[in-house]
Structures are given as structure tokens and as C-alpha cells.
Amino acid sequence: MARNNYRGPRGRVEEPYRINERINAPQVRLVGENVEQGVYNTSQARSIAQAQGLDLVEISPKADPPVCRVIDYSKFKYEQKKKQKELKAKAQKVVVKEVRFGPNTDDHDFEFKLKHAQNFLKEGAKVKAYVHFVGRTIMHKERGEVLLLKFAQALEEIGKVEQLPKLEGKRMIMMMAPKPATPAKKKKSAEEEDDASE
């Protein structure tokens, strides 16, 4: 029997849902699989749940009457936790990778860092590109800005600038985010137009 004899933990954690005997409304609207949906006396709804070896769980306490579902509560809680974890994982997947330049970065170094940034953007990470000024090189701020704008231009097909180059202390920082993937159909029609114009 899936009846929940939950007595509460030693800490302050409270159950998010009222179940079985904890439901104190005189009547409830019953929903769920293998039950005839409708409004029942709470004791009658509890009996229906018990007969199936399941729990009566109040899922919408503010409704009039409160909505209860006949389910296995431990399984239900597990599913809810799983959903929350998935949502958290999606929300936390924003990774920021840093690419550092000097104001006098040569072409070879620039191309090397550009390839890394392309990979980061393709993987879905954001790119924080910055030029670090040491000592008197701060006098050549415009070099840093030109370098970062050149970098953004080289990545414009796969990334979009979220923050234009901005001087913060001894660093000029620019943020880029990956562009959402464009549907293949649009690309194809553009190529067809090019072919037609030739």
C-alpha cells in the first residue's frame, strides 16, 4: 500500500502538498486515472484512494473545492523533483568562456583565439573577449576597441554582440552570445535566389 506515513523531518522542511488525513476541506474535486472525476466528501475521496493503494494529494488548494489527485505520492514527489532539476539544469547551462587579448596581439594569435571562440559559440557558450592593458598600453585604448570589433565581425555568422567594447579598469570587455540556429529552408531559398540572379 502506498499510504504515506510521513511524520516530518527533524529540520524545518515542510511537505509542499497536503496528503490523505492532512486534507482538511469538507469536499474535494477528484481527478486522476482510474477514478470517476467529480466532487466528493473528503473521507469518501480518501477511501477511493486507499482502495487503489494510492494517496489522496491536494494539488490545487486554492480552488473551490480544492482539487485532489489519486496518485502514488512518493512517485509524484520524485517526478516533481526531476522536473525542477531539469528546469534548473536548463537555466544554469549558460557557460561563459573568456578570450584574452593584449593591445598588440599579432594576426597568428588573433586567428588562434578566433578558432577557440568559434568552438565556444558553436557549443552554446557565451564568449567574454577582453583586451588587457598593462602599464602604458592603456594610452592605446582605441587599439583594443578596434581589435574587439574586428573579433566580433569575424564571428558575426555564429555570434551576436551582447555588450559592445567597454573599458572596465585595465580591461576592455565585450560580450558575445551564440546566435540561435537559423532554419535550413531560409538558407536554401537565399542560395536559390543567388542562383537565379546569375
N, C-alpha and C. Protein backbone atom coordinates (compact mmCIF):
# COMPACT_ATOMS: atom_id res chain seq x y z
N MET A 1 0.85 -1.19 0.00
CA MET A 1 0.00 0.00 0.00
C MET A 1 0.88 1.25 0.00
N ALA A 2 0.53 2.21 -0.83
CA ALA A 2 1.39 3.37 -0.98
C ALA A 2 1.04 4.49 -0.02
N ARG A 3 0.38 4.14 1.08
CA ARG A 3 -0.01 5.17 2.02
C ARG A 3 1.19 5.82 2.63
N ASN A 4 1.16 7.12 2.73
CA ASN A 4 2.33 7.85 3.20
C ASN A 4 2.21 8.11 4.69
N ASN A 5 3.09 7.55 5.48
CA ASN A 5 3.09 7.79 6.92
C ASN A 5 4.14 8.83 7.26
N TYR A 6 4.14 9.91 6.54
CA TYR A 6 5.17 10.93 6.69
C TYR A 6 4.96 11.69 7.98
N ARG A 7 5.95 11.69 8.86
CA ARG A 7 5.82 12.38 10.14
C ARG A 7 6.58 13.70 10.16
N GLY A 8 7.34 13.97 9.10
CA GLY A 8 8.10 15.23 9.04
C GLY A 8 9.52 15.02 9.50
N PRO A 9 10.46 15.71 8.87
CA PRO A 9 11.86 15.57 9.23
C PRO A 9 12.18 16.34 10.51
N ARG A 10 13.39 16.14 10.99
CA ARG A 10 13.81 16.83 12.20
C ARG A 10 14.02 18.31 11.95
N GLY A 11 14.28 18.68 10.67
CA GLY A 11 14.52 20.09 10.31
C GLY A 11 13.22 20.85 10.14
N ARG A 12 13.29 21.97 9.40
CA ARG A 12 12.12 22.82 9.21
C ARG A 12 11.42 22.54 7.88
N VAL A 13 11.89 21.59 7.10
CA VAL A 13 11.33 21.33 5.77
C VAL A 13 9.88 20.86 5.88
N GLU A 14 9.02 21.52 5.12
CA GLU A 14 7.60 21.17 5.16
C GLU A 14 7.20 20.53 3.85
N GLU A 15 6.24 19.63 3.89
CA GLU A 15 5.76 18.99 2.67
C GLU A 15 5.07 20.04 1.80
N PRO A 16 5.33 20.02 0.50
CA PRO A 16 4.71 21.02 -0.37
C PRO A 16 3.22 20.78 -0.63
N TYR A 17 2.74 19.55 -0.40
CA TYR A 17 1.34 19.22 -0.64
C TYR A 17 0.73 18.56 0.58
N ARG A 18 -0.59 18.82 0.78
CA ARG A 18 -1.29 18.10 1.84
C ARG A 18 -1.73 16.76 1.26
N ILE A 19 -1.58 15.71 2.07
CA ILE A 19 -2.00 14.39 1.59
C ILE A 19 -2.85 13.69 2.64
N ASN A 20 -3.68 12.77 2.16
CA ASN A 20 -4.52 11.90 2.99
C ASN A 20 -5.20 12.64 4.15
N GLU A 21 -4.86 12.28 5.40
CA GLU A 21 -5.55 12.86 6.57
C GLU A 21 -5.27 14.35 6.76
N ARG A 22 -4.25 14.86 6.11
CA ARG A 22 -3.91 16.28 6.29
C ARG A 22 -4.82 17.21 5.48
N ILE A 23 -5.59 16.64 4.58
CA ILE A 23 -6.52 17.46 3.79
C ILE A 23 -7.72 17.76 4.67
N ASN A 24 -7.95 19.07 4.94
CA ASN A 24 -9.00 19.40 5.92
C ASN A 24 -10.25 20.04 5.31
N ALA A 25 -10.33 20.12 3.98
CA ALA A 25 -11.54 20.65 3.34
C ALA A 25 -12.66 19.61 3.45
N PRO A 26 -13.92 20.05 3.63
CA PRO A 26 -15.01 19.08 3.74
C PRO A 26 -15.27 18.33 2.43
N GLN A 27 -15.07 19.03 1.30
CA GLN A 27 -15.27 18.40 -0.01
C GLN A 27 -14.07 18.68 -0.91
N VAL A 28 -13.84 17.78 -1.86
CA VAL A 28 -12.74 17.96 -2.81
C VAL A 28 -13.20 17.57 -4.22
N ARG A 29 -12.55 18.17 -5.22
CA ARG A 29 -12.80 17.76 -6.61
C ARG A 29 -11.74 16.71 -6.93
N LEU A 30 -12.18 15.54 -7.30
CA LEU A 30 -11.27 14.42 -7.51
C LEU A 30 -10.89 14.29 -8.98
N VAL A 31 -9.58 14.18 -9.25
CA VAL A 31 -9.09 13.95 -10.61
C VAL A 31 -8.04 12.85 -10.54
N GLY A 32 -7.71 12.29 -11.67
CA GLY A 32 -6.68 11.25 -11.70
C GLY A 32 -7.11 10.10 -12.59
N GLU A 33 -6.20 9.16 -12.77
CA GLU A 33 -6.50 7.99 -13.59
C GLU A 33 -7.29 6.98 -12.75
N ASN A 34 -8.13 6.21 -13.39
CA ASN A 34 -8.92 5.15 -12.76
C ASN A 34 -9.84 5.65 -11.65
N VAL A 35 -10.28 6.92 -11.75
CA VAL A 35 -11.27 7.42 -10.78
C VAL A 35 -12.35 8.16 -11.56
N GLU A 36 -13.56 8.12 -11.00
CA GLU A 36 -14.62 8.89 -11.61
C GLU A 36 -14.50 10.31 -11.10
N GLN A 37 -14.19 11.23 -12.03
CA GLN A 37 -13.91 12.60 -11.62
C GLN A 37 -15.19 13.29 -11.18
N GLY A 38 -15.06 14.12 -10.16
CA GLY A 38 -16.22 14.84 -9.64
C GLY A 38 -15.94 15.33 -8.23
N VAL A 39 -16.98 15.90 -7.61
CA VAL A 39 -16.84 16.43 -6.25
C VAL A 39 -17.29 15.36 -5.26
N TYR A 40 -16.43 15.11 -4.26
CA TYR A 40 -16.71 14.08 -3.24
C TYR A 40 -16.47 14.65 -1.86
N ASN A 41 -17.09 13.99 -0.85
CA ASN A 41 -16.72 14.29 0.53
C ASN A 41 -15.27 13.83 0.68
N THR A 42 -14.50 14.53 1.48
CA THR A 42 -13.08 14.21 1.60
C THR A 42 -12.87 12.78 2.09
N SER A 43 -13.67 12.33 3.05
CA SER A 43 -13.50 10.97 3.57
C SER A 43 -13.79 9.93 2.48
N GLN A 44 -14.76 10.22 1.64
CA GLN A 44 -15.10 9.31 0.53
C GLN A 44 -13.94 9.28 -0.49
N ALA A 45 -13.37 10.45 -0.79
CA ALA A 45 -12.25 10.54 -1.74
C ALA A 45 -11.04 9.77 -1.19
N ARG A 46 -10.83 9.88 0.14
CA ARG A 46 -9.72 9.17 0.79
C ARG A 46 -9.90 7.66 0.65
N SER A 47 -11.15 7.21 0.82
CA SER A 47 -11.46 5.78 0.71
C SER A 47 -11.18 5.27 -0.71
N ILE A 48 -11.52 6.11 -1.72
CA ILE A 48 -11.28 5.73 -3.12
C ILE A 48 -9.78 5.54 -3.35
N ALA A 49 -8.99 6.46 -2.81
CA ALA A 49 -7.53 6.39 -2.95
C ALA A 49 -6.99 5.14 -2.24
N GLN A 50 -7.46 4.91 -1.02
CA GLN A 50 -6.99 3.76 -0.23
C GLN A 50 -7.33 2.44 -0.92
N ALA A 51 -8.51 2.38 -1.51
CA ALA A 51 -8.94 1.15 -2.19
C ALA A 51 -7.99 0.80 -3.33
N GLN A 52 -7.35 1.81 -3.92
CA GLN A 52 -6.40 1.57 -5.02
C GLN A 52 -4.95 1.46 -4.53
N GLY A 53 -4.77 1.60 -3.21
CA GLY A 53 -3.42 1.54 -2.65
C GLY A 53 -2.62 2.79 -2.97
N LEU A 54 -3.34 3.90 -3.16
CA LEU A 54 -2.68 5.17 -3.52
C LEU A 54 -2.98 6.24 -2.48
N ASP A 55 -2.46 7.44 -2.74
CA ASP A 55 -2.65 8.57 -1.82
C ASP A 55 -3.59 9.59 -2.44
N LEU A 56 -4.25 10.35 -1.57
CA LEU A 56 -5.07 11.48 -1.99
C LEU A 56 -4.19 12.71 -1.79
N VAL A 57 -3.87 13.40 -2.87
CA VAL A 57 -2.94 14.54 -2.79
C VAL A 57 -3.65 15.81 -3.26
N GLU A 58 -3.60 16.84 -2.41
CA GLU A 58 -4.23 18.13 -2.73
C GLU A 58 -3.28 18.90 -3.64
N ILE A 59 -3.64 18.99 -4.93
CA ILE A 59 -2.73 19.64 -5.88
C ILE A 59 -3.09 21.09 -6.15
N SER A 60 -4.32 21.48 -5.86
CA SER A 60 -4.73 22.86 -6.07
C SER A 60 -5.59 23.31 -4.88
N PRO A 61 -4.93 23.70 -3.77
CA PRO A 61 -5.66 24.01 -2.54
C PRO A 61 -6.53 25.26 -2.62
N LYS A 62 -6.22 26.18 -3.54
CA LYS A 62 -6.96 27.46 -3.59
C LYS A 62 -8.25 27.35 -4.42
N ALA A 63 -8.41 26.23 -5.14
CA ALA A 63 -9.64 26.05 -5.93
C ALA A 63 -10.82 25.83 -4.99
N ASP A 64 -12.03 26.02 -5.49
CA ASP A 64 -13.21 25.82 -4.65
C ASP A 64 -14.13 24.80 -5.31
N PRO A 65 -14.26 23.58 -4.84
CA PRO A 65 -13.49 22.96 -3.74
C PRO A 65 -12.06 22.63 -4.19
N PRO A 66 -11.13 22.39 -3.23
CA PRO A 66 -9.74 22.06 -3.59
C PRO A 66 -9.67 20.84 -4.51
N VAL A 67 -8.72 20.87 -5.43
CA VAL A 67 -8.56 19.77 -6.38
C VAL A 67 -7.57 18.76 -5.80
N CYS A 68 -7.98 17.49 -5.79
CA CYS A 68 -7.13 16.42 -5.27
C CYS A 68 -6.94 15.36 -6.35
N ARG A 69 -5.77 14.74 -6.32
CA ARG A 69 -5.47 13.70 -7.30
C ARG A 69 -5.17 12.39 -6.57
N VAL A 70 -5.61 11.29 -7.15
CA VAL A 70 -5.33 9.97 -6.58
C VAL A 70 -4.07 9.46 -7.28
N ILE A 71 -2.96 9.47 -6.53
CA ILE A 71 -1.67 9.05 -7.09
C ILE A 71 -0.78 8.45 -6.01
N ASP A 72 0.32 7.85 -6.45
CA ASP A 72 1.34 7.38 -5.52
C ASP A 72 2.18 8.61 -5.18
N TYR A 73 2.07 9.09 -3.94
CA TYR A 73 2.69 10.36 -3.56
C TYR A 73 4.21 10.36 -3.70
N SER A 74 4.86 9.27 -3.31
CA SER A 74 6.32 9.24 -3.38
C SER A 74 6.78 9.33 -4.85
N LYS A 75 6.04 8.67 -5.73
CA LYS A 75 6.34 8.70 -7.16
C LYS A 75 6.11 10.13 -7.70
N PHE A 76 5.00 10.73 -7.26
CA PHE A 76 4.65 12.09 -7.67
C PHE A 76 5.74 13.08 -7.25
N LYS A 77 6.20 12.93 -5.99
CA LYS A 77 7.25 13.82 -5.48
C LYS A 77 8.54 13.66 -6.28
N TYR A 78 8.86 12.43 -6.62
CA TYR A 78 10.06 12.13 -7.40
C TYR A 78 9.96 12.82 -8.77
N GLU A 79 8.79 12.71 -9.42
CA GLU A 79 8.59 13.34 -10.73
C GLU A 79 8.73 14.86 -10.64
N GLN A 80 8.17 15.44 -9.56
CA GLN A 80 8.25 16.90 -9.38
C GLN A 80 9.71 17.34 -9.21
N LYS A 81 10.47 16.58 -8.40
CA LYS A 81 11.89 16.91 -8.18
C LYS A 81 12.65 16.81 -9.49
N LYS A 82 12.35 15.78 -10.26
CA LYS A 82 13.01 15.55 -11.55
C LYS A 82 12.76 16.74 -12.49
N LYS A 83 11.50 17.20 -12.54
CA LYS A 83 11.15 18.34 -13.38
C LYS A 83 11.91 19.58 -12.95
N GLN A 84 11.98 19.82 -11.63
CA GLN A 84 12.69 21.00 -11.11
C GLN A 84 14.17 20.94 -11.45
N LYS A 85 14.76 19.74 -11.33
CA LYS A 85 16.18 19.57 -11.67
C LYS A 85 16.43 19.89 -13.13
N GLU A 86 15.53 19.40 -14.01
CA GLU A 86 15.67 19.65 -15.44
C GLU A 86 15.58 21.14 -15.74
N LEU A 87 14.63 21.82 -15.08
CA LEU A 87 14.50 23.26 -15.29
C LEU A 87 15.75 24.00 -14.82
N LYS A 88 16.26 23.59 -13.65
CA LYS A 88 17.48 24.20 -13.12
C LYS A 88 18.65 23.98 -14.07
N ALA A 89 18.77 22.75 -14.54
CA ALA A 89 19.87 22.41 -15.45
C ALA A 89 19.81 23.27 -16.70
N LYS A 90 18.61 23.46 -17.24
CA LYS A 90 18.46 24.29 -18.43
C LYS A 90 18.83 25.73 -18.13
N ALA A 91 18.40 26.20 -16.97
CA ALA A 91 18.67 27.59 -16.61
C ALA A 91 20.15 27.84 -16.35
N GLN A 92 20.85 26.85 -15.83
CA GLN A 92 22.25 27.04 -15.46
C GLN A 92 23.23 26.68 -16.57
N LYS A 93 22.72 26.35 -17.73
CA LYS A 93 23.61 25.90 -18.79
C LYS A 93 24.34 27.03 -19.50
N VAL A 94 24.15 28.28 -19.06
CA VAL A 94 24.84 29.38 -19.70
C VAL A 94 26.28 29.41 -19.20
N VAL A 95 27.18 29.03 -20.09
CA VAL A 95 28.60 28.98 -19.74
C VAL A 95 29.27 30.18 -20.39
N VAL A 96 30.14 30.85 -19.64
CA VAL A 96 30.87 31.99 -20.19
C VAL A 96 32.34 31.62 -20.29
N LYS A 97 32.86 31.66 -21.52
CA LYS A 97 34.28 31.37 -21.76
C LYS A 97 34.99 32.69 -22.02
N GLU A 98 36.22 32.80 -21.49
CA GLU A 98 36.98 34.04 -21.67
C GLU A 98 38.04 33.89 -22.75
N VAL A 99 38.20 34.95 -23.54
CA VAL A 99 39.26 35.01 -24.54
C VAL A 99 40.01 36.32 -24.27
N ARG A 100 41.30 36.18 -23.99
CA ARG A 100 42.08 37.35 -23.58
C ARG A 100 43.04 37.78 -24.70
N PHE A 101 43.07 39.08 -24.93
CA PHE A 101 43.99 39.67 -25.90
C PHE A 101 44.86 40.71 -25.22
N GLY A 102 45.97 41.00 -25.86
CA GLY A 102 46.78 42.17 -25.48
C GLY A 102 46.53 43.21 -26.56
N PRO A 103 46.81 44.49 -26.31
CA PRO A 103 46.54 45.51 -27.34
C PRO A 103 47.38 45.31 -28.60
N ASN A 104 48.49 44.57 -28.49
CA ASN A 104 49.36 44.35 -29.65
C ASN A 104 49.33 42.90 -30.13
N THR A 105 48.18 42.25 -30.02
CA THR A 105 48.04 40.85 -30.43
C THR A 105 48.31 40.72 -31.93
N ASP A 106 49.19 39.79 -32.30
CA ASP A 106 49.50 39.63 -33.74
C ASP A 106 48.44 38.78 -34.44
N ASP A 107 48.50 38.74 -35.77
CA ASP A 107 47.48 38.06 -36.57
C ASP A 107 47.37 36.57 -36.25
N HIS A 108 48.51 35.91 -36.09
CA HIS A 108 48.51 34.47 -35.82
C HIS A 108 47.79 34.17 -34.51
N ASP A 109 48.10 34.93 -33.47
CA ASP A 109 47.47 34.77 -32.16
C ASP A 109 45.97 35.08 -32.25
N PHE A 110 45.64 36.11 -33.02
CA PHE A 110 44.25 36.50 -33.21
C PHE A 110 43.45 35.35 -33.83
N GLU A 111 43.99 34.75 -34.90
CA GLU A 111 43.32 33.65 -35.59
C GLU A 111 43.15 32.44 -34.67
N PHE A 112 44.18 32.16 -33.86
CA PHE A 112 44.15 31.05 -32.91
C PHE A 112 43.01 31.23 -31.90
N LYS A 113 42.90 32.46 -31.37
CA LYS A 113 41.87 32.74 -30.37
C LYS A 113 40.48 32.80 -31.02
N LEU A 114 40.45 33.22 -32.26
CA LEU A 114 39.20 33.27 -33.00
C LEU A 114 38.61 31.86 -33.17
N LYS A 115 39.49 30.89 -33.49
CA LYS A 115 39.04 29.49 -33.65
C LYS A 115 38.46 28.96 -32.34
N HIS A 116 39.12 29.28 -31.23
CA HIS A 116 38.60 28.86 -29.92
C HIS A 116 37.23 29.46 -29.68
N ALA A 117 37.09 30.76 -29.95
CA ALA A 117 35.81 31.44 -29.73
C ALA A 117 34.72 30.84 -30.60
N GLN A 118 35.06 30.49 -31.85
CA GLN A 118 34.07 29.86 -32.74
C GLN A 118 33.56 28.55 -32.13
N ASN A 119 34.50 27.75 -31.61
CA ASN A 119 34.11 26.49 -30.96
C ASN A 119 33.22 26.73 -29.75
N PHE A 120 33.58 27.73 -28.94
CA PHE A 120 32.79 28.04 -27.74
C PHE A 120 31.36 28.41 -28.13
N LEU A 121 31.23 29.28 -29.15
CA LEU A 121 29.90 29.72 -29.57
C LEU A 121 29.09 28.57 -30.17
N LYS A 122 29.75 27.69 -30.92
CA LYS A 122 29.06 26.54 -31.51
C LYS A 122 28.56 25.58 -30.43
N GLU A 123 29.29 25.51 -29.31
CA GLU A 123 28.89 24.65 -28.19
C GLU A 123 27.79 25.29 -27.36
N GLY A 124 27.44 26.54 -27.68
CA GLY A 124 26.37 27.23 -26.94
C GLY A 124 26.85 28.09 -25.80
N ALA A 125 28.15 28.28 -25.65
CA ALA A 125 28.68 29.10 -24.56
C ALA A 125 28.74 30.56 -25.00
N LYS A 126 28.68 31.45 -24.02
CA LYS A 126 28.89 32.87 -24.30
C LYS A 126 30.40 33.11 -24.30
N VAL A 127 30.81 34.16 -24.99
CA VAL A 127 32.24 34.48 -25.02
C VAL A 127 32.45 35.89 -24.46
N LYS A 128 33.33 35.95 -23.47
CA LYS A 128 33.73 37.25 -22.89
C LYS A 128 35.12 37.52 -23.43
N ALA A 129 35.21 38.41 -24.43
CA ALA A 129 36.51 38.74 -25.02
C ALA A 129 36.98 40.03 -24.38
N TYR A 130 38.24 40.07 -23.99
CA TYR A 130 38.74 41.32 -23.40
C TYR A 130 40.19 41.56 -23.78
N VAL A 131 40.51 42.85 -23.82
CA VAL A 131 41.89 43.29 -24.06
C VAL A 131 42.41 43.78 -22.73
N HIS A 132 43.52 43.19 -22.29
CA HIS A 132 44.12 43.57 -21.01
C HIS A 132 45.26 44.55 -21.26
N PHE A 133 45.12 45.74 -20.70
CA PHE A 133 46.14 46.77 -20.87
C PHE A 133 47.11 46.74 -19.69
N VAL A 134 48.40 46.66 -20.00
CA VAL A 134 49.41 46.64 -18.94
C VAL A 134 50.23 47.93 -19.05
N GLY A 135 50.42 48.57 -17.91
CA GLY A 135 51.26 49.79 -17.87
C GLY A 135 50.77 50.86 -18.83
N ARG A 136 51.68 51.34 -19.68
CA ARG A 136 51.38 52.48 -20.55
C ARG A 136 50.53 52.11 -21.77
N THR A 137 50.28 50.82 -21.99
CA THR A 137 49.48 50.42 -23.16
C THR A 137 48.05 50.96 -23.06
N ILE A 138 47.65 51.39 -21.85
CA ILE A 138 46.30 51.95 -21.66
C ILE A 138 46.12 53.22 -22.51
N MET A 139 47.26 53.80 -22.93
CA MET A 139 47.21 55.01 -23.77
C MET A 139 46.60 54.67 -25.14
N HIS A 140 46.64 53.38 -25.52
CA HIS A 140 46.16 52.98 -26.85
C HIS A 140 44.84 52.21 -26.74
N LYS A 141 43.89 52.83 -26.05
CA LYS A 141 42.57 52.19 -25.86
C LYS A 141 41.91 51.88 -27.19
N GLU A 142 42.08 52.79 -28.17
CA GLU A 142 41.42 52.59 -29.47
C GLU A 142 41.87 51.30 -30.14
N ARG A 143 43.13 50.89 -29.90
CA ARG A 143 43.62 49.61 -30.48
C ARG A 143 42.81 48.44 -29.95
N GLY A 144 42.54 48.49 -28.66
CA GLY A 144 41.74 47.43 -28.03
C GLY A 144 40.34 47.37 -28.61
N GLU A 145 39.74 48.56 -28.80
CA GLU A 145 38.38 48.61 -29.34
C GLU A 145 38.35 48.09 -30.78
N VAL A 146 39.32 48.49 -31.60
CA VAL A 146 39.40 48.03 -32.99
C VAL A 146 39.56 46.51 -33.04
N LEU A 147 40.42 45.99 -32.16
CA LEU A 147 40.67 44.55 -32.09
C LEU A 147 39.39 43.78 -31.75
N LEU A 148 38.66 44.27 -30.74
CA LEU A 148 37.44 43.58 -30.32
C LEU A 148 36.34 43.66 -31.39
N LEU A 149 36.24 44.80 -32.06
CA LEU A 149 35.23 44.93 -33.12
C LEU A 149 35.57 44.03 -34.31
N LYS A 150 36.86 43.90 -34.60
CA LYS A 150 37.32 43.00 -35.67
C LYS A 150 36.95 41.55 -35.30
N PHE A 151 37.14 41.23 -34.03
CA PHE A 151 36.82 39.91 -33.48
C PHE A 151 35.32 39.64 -33.63
N ALA A 152 34.49 40.62 -33.27
CA ALA A 152 33.03 40.48 -33.36
C ALA A 152 32.61 40.29 -34.81
N GLN A 153 33.25 41.04 -35.71
CA GLN A 153 32.92 40.96 -37.13
C GLN A 153 33.25 39.56 -37.68
N ALA A 154 34.38 39.00 -37.24
CA ALA A 154 34.79 37.67 -37.70
C ALA A 154 33.84 36.59 -37.20
N LEU A 155 33.12 36.88 -36.12
CA LEU A 155 32.21 35.88 -35.53
C LEU A 155 30.74 36.16 -35.81
N GLU A 156 30.44 37.16 -36.64
CA GLU A 156 29.04 37.60 -36.78
C GLU A 156 28.10 36.54 -37.34
N GLU A 157 28.63 35.53 -38.03
CA GLU A 157 27.74 34.50 -38.57
C GLU A 157 27.22 33.55 -37.49
N ILE A 158 28.01 33.36 -36.44
CA ILE A 158 27.59 32.42 -35.39
C ILE A 158 27.34 33.08 -34.04
N GLY A 159 27.73 34.35 -33.90
CA GLY A 159 27.55 35.02 -32.61
C GLY A 159 27.03 36.43 -32.77
N LYS A 160 26.37 36.92 -31.70
CA LYS A 160 25.90 38.30 -31.73
C LYS A 160 26.47 39.03 -30.50
N VAL A 161 26.76 40.30 -30.69
CA VAL A 161 27.35 41.10 -29.60
C VAL A 161 26.26 41.44 -28.60
N GLU A 162 26.50 41.09 -27.33
CA GLU A 162 25.55 41.43 -26.26
C GLU A 162 25.97 42.71 -25.57
N GLN A 163 27.27 42.94 -25.50
CA GLN A 163 27.79 44.16 -24.88
C GLN A 163 28.95 44.66 -25.72
N LEU A 164 28.84 45.87 -26.21
CA LEU A 164 29.90 46.47 -27.03
C LEU A 164 31.14 46.69 -26.17
N PRO A 165 32.32 46.83 -26.79
CA PRO A 165 33.54 47.03 -26.01
C PRO A 165 33.40 48.18 -25.01
N LYS A 166 33.76 47.88 -23.78
CA LYS A 166 33.58 48.84 -22.69
C LYS A 166 34.78 48.72 -21.76
N LEU A 167 35.37 49.84 -21.43
CA LEU A 167 36.57 49.84 -20.57
C LEU A 167 36.16 49.71 -19.11
N GLU A 168 36.69 48.68 -18.45
CA GLU A 168 36.47 48.48 -17.01
C GLU A 168 37.83 48.31 -16.36
N GLY A 169 38.33 49.36 -15.74
CA GLY A 169 39.67 49.32 -15.14
C GLY A 169 40.72 49.20 -16.23
N LYS A 170 41.52 48.14 -16.17
CA LYS A 170 42.57 47.93 -17.16
C LYS A 170 42.14 46.97 -18.26
N ARG A 171 40.86 46.68 -18.31
CA ARG A 171 40.35 45.74 -19.32
C ARG A 171 39.27 46.39 -20.16
N MET A 172 39.30 46.10 -21.46
CA MET A 172 38.20 46.49 -22.33
C MET A 172 37.46 45.20 -22.66
N ILE A 173 36.20 45.15 -22.25
CA ILE A 173 35.44 43.91 -22.32
C ILE A 173 34.30 43.98 -23.33
N MET A 174 34.10 42.88 -24.03
CA MET A 174 32.97 42.74 -24.96
C MET A 174 32.36 41.36 -24.74
N MET A 175 31.04 41.30 -24.72
CA MET A 175 30.34 40.02 -24.52
C MET A 175 29.66 39.60 -25.82
N MET A 176 29.79 38.30 -26.13
CA MET A 176 29.10 37.75 -27.30
C MET A 176 28.32 36.52 -26.90
N ALA A 177 27.18 36.33 -27.55
CA ALA A 177 26.34 35.15 -27.30
C ALA A 177 26.13 34.41 -28.60
N PRO A 178 25.92 33.08 -28.53
CA PRO A 178 25.69 32.32 -29.77
C PRO A 178 24.36 32.74 -30.40
N LYS A 179 24.34 32.78 -31.72
CA LYS A 179 23.09 33.09 -32.44
C LYS A 179 22.24 31.84 -32.45
N PRO A 180 20.91 31.98 -32.33
CA PRO A 180 20.07 30.79 -32.45
C PRO A 180 20.21 30.23 -33.86
N ALA A 181 20.15 28.92 -33.98
CA ALA A 181 20.32 28.27 -35.29
C ALA A 181 19.21 28.70 -36.23
N THR A 182 19.59 29.09 -37.44
CA THR A 182 18.60 29.52 -38.43
C THR A 182 18.10 28.30 -39.19
N PRO A 183 16.82 28.26 -39.50
CA PRO A 183 16.29 27.11 -40.24
C PRO A 183 16.96 26.96 -41.60
N ALA A 184 17.17 25.74 -42.02
CA ALA A 184 17.86 25.45 -43.28
C ALA A 184 17.08 25.96 -44.49
N LYS A 185 15.75 26.03 -44.39
CA LYS A 185 14.92 26.46 -45.51
C LYS A 185 15.27 27.87 -45.95
N LYS A 186 15.45 28.78 -44.97
CA LYS A 186 15.77 30.17 -45.29
C LYS A 186 17.08 30.26 -46.05
N LYS A 187 18.08 29.50 -45.59
CA LYS A 187 19.38 29.49 -46.26
C LYS A 187 19.23 29.02 -47.69
N LYS A 188 18.45 27.97 -47.87
CA LYS A 188 18.27 27.36 -49.19
C LYS A 188 17.64 28.36 -50.15
N SER A 189 16.59 29.05 -49.68
CA SER A 189 15.92 29.99 -50.56
C SER A 189 16.84 31.15 -50.94
N ALA A 190 17.71 31.56 -50.05
CA ALA A 190 18.67 32.63 -50.34
C ALA A 190 19.66 32.15 -51.40
N GLU A 191 20.08 30.88 -51.30
CA GLU A 191 21.01 30.32 -52.29
C GLU A 191 20.34 30.19 -53.65
N GLU A 192 19.04 29.81 -53.62
CA GLU A 192 18.30 29.69 -54.88
C GLU A 192 18.18 31.04 -55.57
N GLU A 193 17.97 32.09 -54.78
CA GLU A 193 17.86 33.45 -55.31
C GLU A 193 19.18 33.86 -55.97
N ASP A 194 20.30 33.50 -55.32
CA ASP A 194 21.62 33.80 -55.88
C ASP A 194 21.79 33.10 -57.22
N ASP A 195 21.37 31.82 -57.26
CA ASP A 195 21.49 31.04 -58.50
C ASP A 195 20.64 31.65 -59.61
N ALA A 196 19.46 32.13 -59.25
CA ALA A 196 18.54 32.69 -60.22
C ALA A 196 19.07 34.01 -60.79
N SER A 197 19.75 34.78 -59.92
CA SER A 197 20.25 36.09 -60.36
C SER A 197 21.47 35.97 -61.28
N GLU A 198 22.13 34.80 -61.28
CA GLU A 198 23.33 34.62 -62.10
C GLU A 198 22.99 34.44 -63.59
